Amino acid sequence: MKIVLAAVGRLKDGPERALADRYMERASQAGRALALGPITTVELPESRGSQSEQRKREEADALSARLPSCYIALDERGQMLDSPAFAEALRNFRDRGEAALGLVIGGPDGLAVSLRDGAALTISFGRLTWPHQIVRILAAEQLYRATTILSGHPYHRV
């Protein structure tokens, strides 16, 4: 199952990009044996709209064009899963025959309701508000962690 991490906003070169890229590469390598991957990233520019709802709508349109039909929305209103439950969700999507799975990160205004409502699963990394750069790193790390959990690798310790 291909996995795409689609995000509004671009990571500039620097430590944040290096860390996100390192986890994405590790996830891709570890995921191969599990039929998870390739794991790729799509970066989309923030909307220049003048109103929050307009920006979210424009970003949702751009994201929808790049996402597979099955995707997970990362949103503060979502369920809070632990890492084993996230790994199990990935396994379930793969095992039910999904060819591709998206993970979607919105822009500064968040995700449009239509994009959230269309998600197969909506999860939260907590009730705190995180910058998209940090969410990208967290998502990449959790993808890597999920592959190690599913393969029985000792990276994840309880």
N, C-alpha and C. Protein backbone atom coordinates (compact mmCIF):
# COMPACT_ATOMS: atom_id res chain seq x y z
N MET A 1 0.85 -1.17 0.00
CA MET A 1 0.00 0.00 0.00
C MET A 1 0.90 1.23 0.00
N LYS A 2 0.71 2.05 -1.00
CA LYS A 2 1.44 3.31 -1.05
C LYS A 2 0.91 4.23 0.04
N ILE A 3 1.80 5.06 0.59
CA ILE A 3 1.39 6.03 1.60
C ILE A 3 1.93 7.39 1.18
N VAL A 4 1.06 8.39 1.21
CA VAL A 4 1.47 9.75 0.90
C VAL A 4 1.12 10.66 2.06
N LEU A 5 2.10 11.42 2.50
CA LEU A 5 1.91 12.43 3.53
C LEU A 5 1.74 13.75 2.79
N ALA A 6 0.53 14.27 2.76
CA ALA A 6 0.23 15.51 2.03
C ALA A 6 0.05 16.63 3.03
N ALA A 7 0.79 17.72 2.83
CA ALA A 7 0.79 18.80 3.80
C ALA A 7 0.71 20.16 3.11
N VAL A 8 -0.04 21.05 3.73
CA VAL A 8 -0.03 22.45 3.31
C VAL A 8 1.15 23.11 4.00
N GLY A 9 1.96 23.77 3.24
CA GLY A 9 3.16 24.42 3.76
C GLY A 9 4.39 23.63 3.38
N ARG A 10 5.45 24.35 3.22
CA ARG A 10 6.71 23.73 2.81
C ARG A 10 7.71 23.82 3.95
N LEU A 11 8.45 22.73 4.14
CA LEU A 11 9.54 22.76 5.11
C LEU A 11 10.76 23.35 4.41
N LYS A 12 11.35 24.34 5.03
CA LYS A 12 12.58 24.92 4.50
C LYS A 12 13.73 23.98 4.83
N ASP A 13 14.81 24.11 4.07
CA ASP A 13 16.00 23.33 4.39
C ASP A 13 16.44 23.70 5.79
N GLY A 14 16.83 22.72 6.53
CA GLY A 14 17.25 22.94 7.90
C GLY A 14 16.97 21.72 8.74
N PRO A 15 17.08 21.86 10.05
CA PRO A 15 16.95 20.68 10.91
C PRO A 15 15.57 20.04 10.87
N GLU A 16 14.50 20.83 10.69
CA GLU A 16 13.16 20.25 10.64
C GLU A 16 13.01 19.36 9.42
N ARG A 17 13.43 19.85 8.27
CA ARG A 17 13.35 19.05 7.04
C ARG A 17 14.22 17.81 7.15
N ALA A 18 15.42 17.98 7.68
CA ALA A 18 16.34 16.83 7.80
C ALA A 18 15.72 15.74 8.68
N LEU A 19 15.10 16.14 9.78
CA LEU A 19 14.51 15.16 10.68
C LEU A 19 13.29 14.49 10.04
N ALA A 20 12.42 15.27 9.42
CA ALA A 20 11.25 14.70 8.74
C ALA A 20 11.69 13.75 7.63
N ASP A 21 12.66 14.17 6.83
CA ASP A 21 13.16 13.32 5.75
C ASP A 21 13.78 12.03 6.27
N ARG A 22 14.50 12.13 7.39
CA ARG A 22 15.12 10.93 7.96
C ARG A 22 14.06 9.92 8.38
N TYR A 23 13.00 10.39 9.05
CA TYR A 23 11.94 9.46 9.45
C TYR A 23 11.18 8.91 8.25
N MET A 24 10.95 9.73 7.23
CA MET A 24 10.25 9.24 6.04
C MET A 24 11.09 8.17 5.33
N GLU A 25 12.38 8.39 5.25
CA GLU A 25 13.26 7.40 4.62
C GLU A 25 13.27 6.10 5.42
N ARG A 26 13.37 6.21 6.75
CA ARG A 26 13.35 5.02 7.60
C ARG A 26 12.02 4.27 7.46
N ALA A 27 10.93 5.03 7.44
CA ALA A 27 9.61 4.40 7.30
C ALA A 27 9.50 3.68 5.97
N SER A 28 9.99 4.29 4.91
CA SER A 28 9.94 3.65 3.59
C SER A 28 10.75 2.36 3.58
N GLN A 29 11.93 2.40 4.16
CA GLN A 29 12.78 1.21 4.19
C GLN A 29 12.16 0.10 5.03
N ALA A 30 11.70 0.45 6.22
CA ALA A 30 11.10 -0.55 7.11
C ALA A 30 9.76 -1.05 6.57
N GLY A 31 9.05 -0.21 5.85
CA GLY A 31 7.74 -0.57 5.35
C GLY A 31 7.75 -1.52 4.18
N ARG A 32 8.85 -1.58 3.43
CA ARG A 32 8.90 -2.43 2.24
C ARG A 32 8.52 -3.88 2.53
N ALA A 33 9.08 -4.43 3.58
CA ALA A 33 8.83 -5.83 3.91
C ALA A 33 7.39 -6.06 4.38
N LEU A 34 6.70 -4.98 4.72
CA LEU A 34 5.33 -5.07 5.23
C LEU A 34 4.28 -4.69 4.19
N ALA A 35 4.73 -4.45 2.97
CA ALA A 35 3.85 -3.97 1.90
C ALA A 35 3.26 -2.61 2.26
N LEU A 36 4.07 -1.80 2.93
CA LEU A 36 3.70 -0.41 3.23
C LEU A 36 4.72 0.49 2.56
N GLY A 37 4.32 1.08 1.47
CA GLY A 37 5.22 1.97 0.77
C GLY A 37 5.13 1.76 -0.72
N PRO A 38 5.77 2.62 -1.45
CA PRO A 38 6.65 3.67 -0.96
C PRO A 38 5.87 4.72 -0.16
N ILE A 39 6.60 5.40 0.71
CA ILE A 39 6.04 6.47 1.52
C ILE A 39 6.63 7.77 1.02
N THR A 40 5.77 8.66 0.55
CA THR A 40 6.22 9.90 -0.07
C THR A 40 5.55 11.11 0.58
N THR A 41 6.08 12.27 0.26
CA THR A 41 5.55 13.53 0.78
C THR A 41 5.12 14.42 -0.38
N VAL A 42 4.00 15.08 -0.20
CA VAL A 42 3.53 16.11 -1.13
C VAL A 42 3.37 17.39 -0.34
N GLU A 43 4.02 18.45 -0.78
CA GLU A 43 3.90 19.76 -0.15
C GLU A 43 3.12 20.69 -1.06
N LEU A 44 2.14 21.35 -0.49
CA LEU A 44 1.33 22.30 -1.25
C LEU A 44 1.43 23.68 -0.61
N PRO A 45 1.41 24.72 -1.42
CA PRO A 45 1.52 26.08 -0.85
C PRO A 45 0.26 26.47 -0.09
N GLU A 46 0.44 27.34 0.90
CA GLU A 46 -0.69 27.89 1.62
C GLU A 46 -1.50 28.77 0.68
N SER A 47 -2.81 28.78 0.88
CA SER A 47 -3.69 29.65 0.10
C SER A 47 -3.41 31.10 0.46
N ARG A 48 -3.62 31.96 -0.50
CA ARG A 48 -3.47 33.40 -0.29
C ARG A 48 -4.82 34.08 -0.11
N GLY A 49 -5.88 33.28 0.07
CA GLY A 49 -7.22 33.83 0.24
C GLY A 49 -7.29 34.79 1.42
N SER A 50 -8.25 35.71 1.36
CA SER A 50 -8.35 36.75 2.39
C SER A 50 -9.13 36.30 3.63
N GLN A 51 -9.93 35.25 3.50
CA GLN A 51 -10.75 34.77 4.62
C GLN A 51 -10.35 33.33 4.97
N SER A 52 -10.46 33.00 6.25
CA SER A 52 -10.08 31.67 6.72
C SER A 52 -10.82 30.57 5.97
N GLU A 53 -12.14 30.69 5.85
CA GLU A 53 -12.91 29.63 5.17
C GLU A 53 -12.51 29.50 3.70
N GLN A 54 -12.22 30.62 3.06
CA GLN A 54 -11.77 30.57 1.66
C GLN A 54 -10.43 29.85 1.57
N ARG A 55 -9.51 30.17 2.49
CA ARG A 55 -8.19 29.51 2.48
C ARG A 55 -8.35 28.01 2.69
N LYS A 56 -9.16 27.62 3.67
CA LYS A 56 -9.36 26.19 3.93
C LYS A 56 -9.98 25.49 2.72
N ARG A 57 -10.94 26.14 2.08
CA ARG A 57 -11.59 25.56 0.90
C ARG A 57 -10.58 25.37 -0.24
N GLU A 58 -9.78 26.41 -0.51
CA GLU A 58 -8.78 26.32 -1.58
C GLU A 58 -7.74 25.25 -1.27
N GLU A 59 -7.30 25.19 -0.02
CA GLU A 59 -6.32 24.18 0.35
C GLU A 59 -6.92 22.78 0.28
N ALA A 60 -8.19 22.64 0.66
CA ALA A 60 -8.86 21.34 0.57
C ALA A 60 -8.94 20.88 -0.88
N ASP A 61 -9.24 21.80 -1.79
CA ASP A 61 -9.30 21.44 -3.21
C ASP A 61 -7.94 20.96 -3.70
N ALA A 62 -6.88 21.68 -3.31
CA ALA A 62 -5.53 21.29 -3.74
C ALA A 62 -5.12 19.95 -3.13
N LEU A 63 -5.44 19.77 -1.86
CA LEU A 63 -5.10 18.49 -1.20
C LEU A 63 -5.88 17.34 -1.81
N SER A 64 -7.17 17.54 -2.03
CA SER A 64 -8.02 16.47 -2.59
C SER A 64 -7.50 15.99 -3.93
N ALA A 65 -6.95 16.90 -4.70
CA ALA A 65 -6.43 16.53 -6.02
C ALA A 65 -5.18 15.65 -5.92
N ARG A 66 -4.52 15.67 -4.77
CA ARG A 66 -3.27 14.91 -4.62
C ARG A 66 -3.38 13.72 -3.67
N LEU A 67 -4.53 13.58 -3.02
CA LEU A 67 -4.71 12.49 -2.06
C LEU A 67 -5.38 11.29 -2.70
N PRO A 68 -5.03 10.09 -2.22
CA PRO A 68 -5.82 8.92 -2.62
C PRO A 68 -7.21 9.02 -2.00
N SER A 69 -8.12 8.18 -2.45
CA SER A 69 -9.50 8.25 -1.94
C SER A 69 -9.59 7.87 -0.46
N CYS A 70 -8.66 7.09 0.02
CA CYS A 70 -8.64 6.70 1.44
C CYS A 70 -7.53 7.51 2.13
N TYR A 71 -7.93 8.27 3.13
CA TYR A 71 -6.92 9.08 3.82
C TYR A 71 -7.29 9.29 5.28
N ILE A 72 -6.25 9.61 6.05
CA ILE A 72 -6.37 9.94 7.46
C ILE A 72 -6.15 11.44 7.59
N ALA A 73 -7.07 12.12 8.25
CA ALA A 73 -6.93 13.55 8.51
C ALA A 73 -6.27 13.74 9.87
N LEU A 74 -5.27 14.59 9.91
CA LEU A 74 -4.64 14.95 11.18
C LEU A 74 -5.27 16.27 11.61
N ASP A 75 -6.03 16.22 12.69
CA ASP A 75 -6.82 17.37 13.12
C ASP A 75 -7.00 17.33 14.63
N GLU A 76 -6.98 18.47 15.26
CA GLU A 76 -7.09 18.53 16.72
C GLU A 76 -8.41 17.96 17.24
N ARG A 77 -9.42 17.85 16.39
CA ARG A 77 -10.72 17.31 16.81
C ARG A 77 -10.78 15.78 16.70
N GLY A 78 -9.72 15.18 16.20
CA GLY A 78 -9.72 13.74 15.97
C GLY A 78 -9.51 12.91 17.21
N GLN A 79 -9.54 11.60 17.01
CA GLN A 79 -9.28 10.65 18.08
C GLN A 79 -7.80 10.70 18.47
N MET A 80 -7.52 10.51 19.73
CA MET A 80 -6.14 10.39 20.16
C MET A 80 -5.82 8.90 20.29
N LEU A 81 -4.96 8.43 19.39
CA LEU A 81 -4.56 7.03 19.40
C LEU A 81 -3.17 6.90 20.01
N ASP A 82 -2.89 5.74 20.58
CA ASP A 82 -1.50 5.47 20.94
C ASP A 82 -0.82 4.88 19.70
N SER A 83 0.47 4.73 19.78
CA SER A 83 1.23 4.26 18.61
C SER A 83 0.82 2.86 18.15
N PRO A 84 0.61 1.90 19.06
CA PRO A 84 0.16 0.58 18.58
C PRO A 84 -1.19 0.65 17.86
N ALA A 85 -2.10 1.50 18.32
CA ALA A 85 -3.41 1.62 17.64
C ALA A 85 -3.24 2.26 16.27
N PHE A 86 -2.33 3.22 16.14
CA PHE A 86 -2.06 3.81 14.83
C PHE A 86 -1.48 2.75 13.89
N ALA A 87 -0.54 1.96 14.39
CA ALA A 87 0.05 0.88 13.58
C ALA A 87 -1.04 -0.10 13.15
N GLU A 88 -1.94 -0.43 14.06
CA GLU A 88 -3.02 -1.35 13.74
C GLU A 88 -3.95 -0.76 12.67
N ALA A 89 -4.19 0.55 12.74
CA ALA A 89 -5.02 1.20 11.71
C ALA A 89 -4.36 1.07 10.34
N LEU A 90 -3.05 1.29 10.27
CA LEU A 90 -2.34 1.13 8.99
C LEU A 90 -2.46 -0.31 8.49
N ARG A 91 -2.27 -1.27 9.41
CA ARG A 91 -2.39 -2.68 9.04
C ARG A 91 -3.79 -2.96 8.49
N ASN A 92 -4.81 -2.43 9.15
CA ASN A 92 -6.19 -2.68 8.71
C ASN A 92 -6.45 -2.09 7.33
N PHE A 93 -5.97 -0.89 7.07
CA PHE A 93 -6.15 -0.31 5.73
C PHE A 93 -5.45 -1.18 4.68
N ARG A 94 -4.23 -1.60 4.98
CA ARG A 94 -3.48 -2.47 4.05
C ARG A 94 -4.21 -3.78 3.83
N ASP A 95 -4.65 -4.41 4.92
CA ASP A 95 -5.24 -5.74 4.84
C ASP A 95 -6.62 -5.73 4.17
N ARG A 96 -7.29 -4.62 4.18
CA ARG A 96 -8.58 -4.58 3.48
C ARG A 96 -8.41 -4.25 1.99
N GLY A 97 -7.15 -4.11 1.57
CA GLY A 97 -6.86 -3.99 0.15
C GLY A 97 -6.73 -2.58 -0.39
N GLU A 98 -6.56 -1.60 0.48
CA GLU A 98 -6.36 -0.24 -0.02
C GLU A 98 -5.04 -0.18 -0.79
N ALA A 99 -5.09 0.34 -1.98
CA ALA A 99 -3.87 0.47 -2.79
C ALA A 99 -3.00 1.62 -2.30
N ALA A 100 -3.65 2.63 -1.74
CA ALA A 100 -2.93 3.82 -1.28
C ALA A 100 -3.66 4.43 -0.09
N LEU A 101 -2.89 5.06 0.76
CA LEU A 101 -3.42 5.73 1.94
C LEU A 101 -2.76 7.08 2.05
N GLY A 102 -3.52 8.10 2.34
CA GLY A 102 -2.98 9.43 2.56
C GLY A 102 -3.04 9.81 4.02
N LEU A 103 -2.12 10.65 4.42
CA LEU A 103 -2.18 11.35 5.71
C LEU A 103 -2.17 12.82 5.33
N VAL A 104 -3.11 13.58 5.86
CA VAL A 104 -3.24 14.96 5.42
C VAL A 104 -3.08 15.92 6.59
N ILE A 105 -2.24 16.94 6.37
CA ILE A 105 -1.97 17.99 7.34
C ILE A 105 -2.41 19.31 6.71
N GLY A 106 -3.32 20.02 7.38
CA GLY A 106 -3.81 21.28 6.86
C GLY A 106 -2.85 22.43 7.11
N GLY A 107 -3.26 23.59 6.65
CA GLY A 107 -2.47 24.80 6.83
C GLY A 107 -2.75 25.45 8.18
N PRO A 108 -2.33 26.70 8.34
CA PRO A 108 -2.49 27.40 9.62
C PRO A 108 -3.94 27.52 10.09
N ASP A 109 -4.88 27.52 9.16
CA ASP A 109 -6.31 27.62 9.52
C ASP A 109 -6.93 26.26 9.79
N GLY A 110 -6.19 25.19 9.58
CA GLY A 110 -6.72 23.85 9.77
C GLY A 110 -7.30 23.28 8.49
N LEU A 111 -8.05 22.20 8.64
CA LEU A 111 -8.66 21.52 7.49
C LEU A 111 -10.10 21.97 7.29
N ALA A 112 -10.51 22.03 6.05
CA ALA A 112 -11.92 22.30 5.73
C ALA A 112 -12.76 21.14 6.26
N VAL A 113 -13.98 21.45 6.67
CA VAL A 113 -14.89 20.43 7.18
C VAL A 113 -15.08 19.32 6.15
N SER A 114 -15.18 19.68 4.88
CA SER A 114 -15.39 18.67 3.84
C SER A 114 -14.24 17.67 3.79
N LEU A 115 -13.03 18.13 3.99
CA LEU A 115 -11.87 17.24 3.97
C LEU A 115 -11.85 16.36 5.22
N ARG A 116 -12.15 16.94 6.36
CA ARG A 116 -12.24 16.15 7.60
C ARG A 116 -13.33 15.10 7.50
N ASP A 117 -14.49 15.51 7.00
CA ASP A 117 -15.62 14.59 6.91
C ASP A 117 -15.39 13.45 5.92
N GLY A 118 -14.54 13.68 4.93
CA GLY A 118 -14.27 12.65 3.93
C GLY A 118 -13.19 11.66 4.35
N ALA A 119 -12.57 11.89 5.49
CA ALA A 119 -11.47 11.03 5.94
C ALA A 119 -11.98 9.69 6.44
N ALA A 120 -11.22 8.65 6.19
CA ALA A 120 -11.53 7.32 6.71
C ALA A 120 -11.30 7.29 8.22
N LEU A 121 -10.41 8.15 8.69
CA LEU A 121 -10.08 8.23 10.11
C LEU A 121 -9.55 9.64 10.36
N THR A 122 -9.92 10.22 11.49
CA THR A 122 -9.38 11.53 11.87
C THR A 122 -8.70 11.35 13.22
N ILE A 123 -7.43 11.71 13.26
CA ILE A 123 -6.68 11.55 14.50
C ILE A 123 -6.05 12.87 14.92
N SER A 124 -5.74 12.94 16.20
CA SER A 124 -5.14 14.13 16.79
C SER A 124 -3.84 13.74 17.48
N PHE A 125 -2.88 14.64 17.42
CA PHE A 125 -1.64 14.47 18.18
C PHE A 125 -1.75 15.23 19.50
N GLY A 126 -2.96 15.38 19.99
CA GLY A 126 -3.18 16.06 21.26
C GLY A 126 -4.01 17.31 21.07
N ARG A 127 -4.43 17.87 22.14
CA ARG A 127 -5.29 19.06 22.08
C ARG A 127 -4.51 20.35 21.92
N LEU A 128 -3.19 20.27 22.03
CA LEU A 128 -2.38 21.46 21.81
C LEU A 128 -2.36 21.80 20.32
N THR A 129 -2.11 23.04 20.02
CA THR A 129 -1.94 23.46 18.63
C THR A 129 -0.46 23.37 18.29
N TRP A 130 -0.15 22.66 17.20
CA TRP A 130 1.23 22.47 16.77
C TRP A 130 1.49 23.17 15.45
N PRO A 131 2.67 23.74 15.24
CA PRO A 131 3.03 24.24 13.92
C PRO A 131 3.10 23.09 12.92
N HIS A 132 2.78 23.37 11.67
CA HIS A 132 2.74 22.28 10.68
C HIS A 132 4.08 21.59 10.54
N GLN A 133 5.19 22.31 10.78
CA GLN A 133 6.50 21.68 10.67
C GLN A 133 6.65 20.57 11.71
N ILE A 134 6.19 20.83 12.91
CA ILE A 134 6.30 19.83 13.97
C ILE A 134 5.34 18.67 13.71
N VAL A 135 4.13 18.97 13.25
CA VAL A 135 3.18 17.91 12.92
C VAL A 135 3.75 17.01 11.84
N ARG A 136 4.41 17.60 10.87
CA ARG A 136 5.03 16.79 9.81
C ARG A 136 6.07 15.84 10.38
N ILE A 137 6.89 16.33 11.29
CA ILE A 137 7.90 15.48 11.92
C ILE A 137 7.22 14.40 12.75
N LEU A 138 6.20 14.77 13.52
CA LEU A 138 5.48 13.78 14.33
C LEU A 138 4.84 12.71 13.45
N ALA A 139 4.23 13.11 12.36
CA ALA A 139 3.58 12.15 11.46
C ALA A 139 4.63 11.21 10.84
N ALA A 140 5.74 11.77 10.40
CA ALA A 140 6.80 10.95 9.81
C ALA A 140 7.35 9.96 10.83
N GLU A 141 7.56 10.43 12.06
CA GLU A 141 8.08 9.55 13.10
C GLU A 141 7.06 8.45 13.41
N GLN A 142 5.78 8.78 13.47
CA GLN A 142 4.77 7.77 13.76
C GLN A 142 4.63 6.76 12.63
N LEU A 143 4.83 7.18 11.40
CA LEU A 143 4.85 6.22 10.30
C LEU A 143 6.01 5.24 10.49
N TYR A 144 7.17 5.78 10.83
CA TYR A 144 8.32 4.90 11.08
C TYR A 144 8.04 3.99 12.27
N ARG A 145 7.54 4.55 13.35
CA ARG A 145 7.24 3.76 14.55
C ARG A 145 6.24 2.65 14.22
N ALA A 146 5.22 2.99 13.42
CA ALA A 146 4.21 1.98 13.05
C ALA A 146 4.85 0.83 12.29
N THR A 147 5.77 1.12 11.38
CA THR A 147 6.42 0.03 10.64
C THR A 147 7.26 -0.83 11.57
N THR A 148 7.89 -0.21 12.56
CA THR A 148 8.69 -1.02 13.49
C THR A 148 7.80 -1.84 14.41
N ILE A 149 6.67 -1.32 14.81
CA ILE A 149 5.72 -2.08 15.64
C ILE A 149 5.22 -3.29 14.85
N LEU A 150 4.82 -3.04 13.61
CA LEU A 150 4.26 -4.13 12.80
C LEU A 150 5.29 -5.20 12.45
N SER A 151 6.56 -4.82 12.43
CA SER A 151 7.60 -5.81 12.11
C SER A 151 8.22 -6.44 13.35
N GLY A 152 7.80 -6.00 14.53
CA GLY A 152 8.35 -6.56 15.76
C GLY A 152 9.72 -6.02 16.12
N HIS A 153 10.14 -4.93 15.50
CA HIS A 153 11.42 -4.30 15.77
C HIS A 153 11.39 -3.64 17.14
N PRO A 154 12.48 -3.63 17.87
CA PRO A 154 12.46 -3.10 19.24
C PRO A 154 12.47 -1.56 19.36
N TYR A 155 12.37 -0.82 18.26
CA TYR A 155 12.35 0.66 18.35
C TYR A 155 11.26 1.14 19.30
N HIS A 156 10.08 0.56 19.21
CA HIS A 156 8.96 0.96 20.08
C HIS A 156 9.04 0.19 21.39
N ARG A 157 9.19 0.91 22.44
CA ARG A 157 9.23 0.29 23.78
C ARG A 157 8.00 0.77 24.54
N VAL A 158 7.38 -0.14 25.24
CA VAL A 158 6.20 0.20 26.02
C VAL A 158 6.58 0.71 27.38
